[in-house]
Protein backbone atom coordinates (compact mmCIF):
# COMPACT_ATOMS: atom_id res chain seq x y z
CA MET A 1 5.25 -0.91 -19.44
CA ASP A 2 8.36 0.53 -17.86
CA THR A 3 11.38 -1.29 -16.47
CA PHE A 4 12.28 -0.90 -12.80
CA THR A 5 15.14 -2.08 -10.62
CA LEU A 6 14.08 -3.81 -7.42
CA PHE A 7 16.33 -3.87 -4.35
CA LEU A 8 15.90 -5.37 -0.93
CA ALA A 9 17.86 -5.65 2.28
CA LEU A 10 17.30 -8.45 4.77
CA ARG A 11 19.06 -9.31 8.01
CA PRO A 12 19.26 -13.12 7.84
CA GLU A 13 18.78 -15.19 10.99
CA PRO A 14 21.21 -16.88 11.33
CA SER A 15 23.79 -15.08 9.19
CA LEU A 16 24.74 -16.69 5.89
CA ASP A 17 28.06 -18.27 5.05
CA ASP A 18 29.32 -18.63 1.46
CA ASP A 19 27.66 -22.03 0.95
CA ALA A 20 24.27 -20.82 2.19
CA LEU A 21 24.52 -17.74 -0.03
CA ASP A 22 25.29 -19.92 -3.06
CA ARG A 23 22.35 -22.24 -2.29
CA LEU A 24 20.00 -19.27 -1.95
CA ALA A 25 21.16 -17.84 -5.28
CA GLU A 26 20.49 -21.22 -6.95
CA VAL A 27 16.89 -21.63 -5.72
CA LEU A 28 15.69 -18.02 -5.79
CA ARG A 29 14.13 -17.29 -9.19
CA PRO A 30 16.40 -19.64 -11.17
CA GLY A 31 15.14 -18.32 -14.53
CA ASP A 32 15.87 -14.66 -13.72
CA PRO A 33 19.08 -13.58 -15.52
CA ASP A 34 19.02 -10.17 -13.76
CA LEU A 35 18.88 -11.54 -10.22
CA ARG A 36 21.85 -10.67 -8.01
CA VAL A 37 22.34 -11.93 -4.45
CA TRP A 38 25.18 -10.76 -2.21
CA ARG A 39 26.14 -10.06 1.39
CA GLU A 40 27.06 -6.72 2.84
CA GLU A 41 29.76 -8.04 5.12
CA GLY A 42 30.24 -5.17 7.55
CA ARG A 43 26.52 -4.86 8.30
CA GLY A 44 25.51 -8.53 8.15
CA LEU A 45 22.90 -7.84 5.47
CA LEU A 46 21.70 -9.88 2.55
CA ARG A 47 21.09 -7.79 -0.56
CA VAL A 48 19.04 -8.86 -3.57
CA SER A 49 18.32 -7.00 -6.79
CA THR A 50 16.63 -7.68 -10.11
CA GLU A 51 14.76 -5.96 -12.91
CA CYS A 52 11.01 -6.04 -13.55
CA SER A 53 8.36 -4.55 -15.80
CA ALA A 54 5.36 -2.70 -14.39
CA ASP A 55 2.89 -0.04 -15.43
CA ARG A 56 3.53 2.17 -12.41
CA LEU A 57 6.16 2.70 -9.75
CA GLU A 58 3.70 1.62 -7.03
CA GLU A 59 3.21 -1.71 -8.80
CA ALA A 60 6.97 -2.16 -8.99
CA LEU A 61 7.25 -1.55 -5.25
CA GLN A 62 4.66 -4.28 -4.67
CA LEU A 63 6.77 -6.60 -6.85
CA ALA A 64 9.73 -5.73 -4.62
CA HIS A 65 7.66 -6.75 -1.57
CA ASP A 66 6.78 -10.00 -3.35
CA LEU A 67 10.47 -10.63 -3.97
CA GLY A 68 11.10 -9.99 -0.28
CA ALA A 69 8.52 -12.63 0.62
CA GLU A 70 10.21 -15.11 -1.74
CA VAL A 71 13.59 -14.41 -0.15
CA ARG A 72 12.20 -14.81 3.38
CA ALA A 73 10.63 -18.14 2.41
CA GLN A 74 14.12 -19.41 1.58
CA CYS A 75 16.13 -17.41 4.12
CA PRO A 76 14.46 -16.49 7.42
CA GLY A 77 15.23 -13.04 8.67
CA THR A 78 14.03 -9.49 9.07
CA LEU A 79 13.14 -7.60 5.93
CA LEU A 80 14.56 -4.12 6.47
CA GLU A 81 13.98 -2.36 3.16
CA VAL A 82 12.52 -2.83 -0.30
CA SER A 83 12.72 -0.33 -3.12
CA ALA A 84 11.75 0.15 -6.73
CA LEU A 85 13.77 2.50 -8.92
CA GLY A 86 12.67 3.85 -12.26
CA ASP A 87 14.39 6.18 -14.69
CA GLU A 88 12.96 9.28 -13.03
CA ASP A 89 11.73 8.31 -9.56
CA SER A 90 11.93 5.73 -6.80
CA LEU A 91 9.86 4.41 -3.91
CA VAL A 92 11.30 2.92 -0.75
CA TRP A 93 9.66 1.01 2.10
CA ARG A 94 11.62 0.66 5.34
CA ALA A 95 10.68 -1.50 8.32
CA VAL A 96 11.90 1.24 10.65
CA PRO A 97 11.52 4.84 9.47
């Protein structure tokens, strides 16, 4: 199995303040030491990243979609992009091409 980095971008509705961001980070995959949750202030986006293991890049992208579903369950909003990055290649899904 290979290791991949998963990223996602979500536009939260409503936007998150510091307390809401902290609460989200506490409940989203609490046992994941690689999980990072932050806001992109100027664009009003929520960004999330973590690491995963998968046999193929396409499987890793599906895991990124699964992570997006987990985030949306805790933080309503529009999922704009998910991506999986490996050592040599990446796959990206965007809601709007």
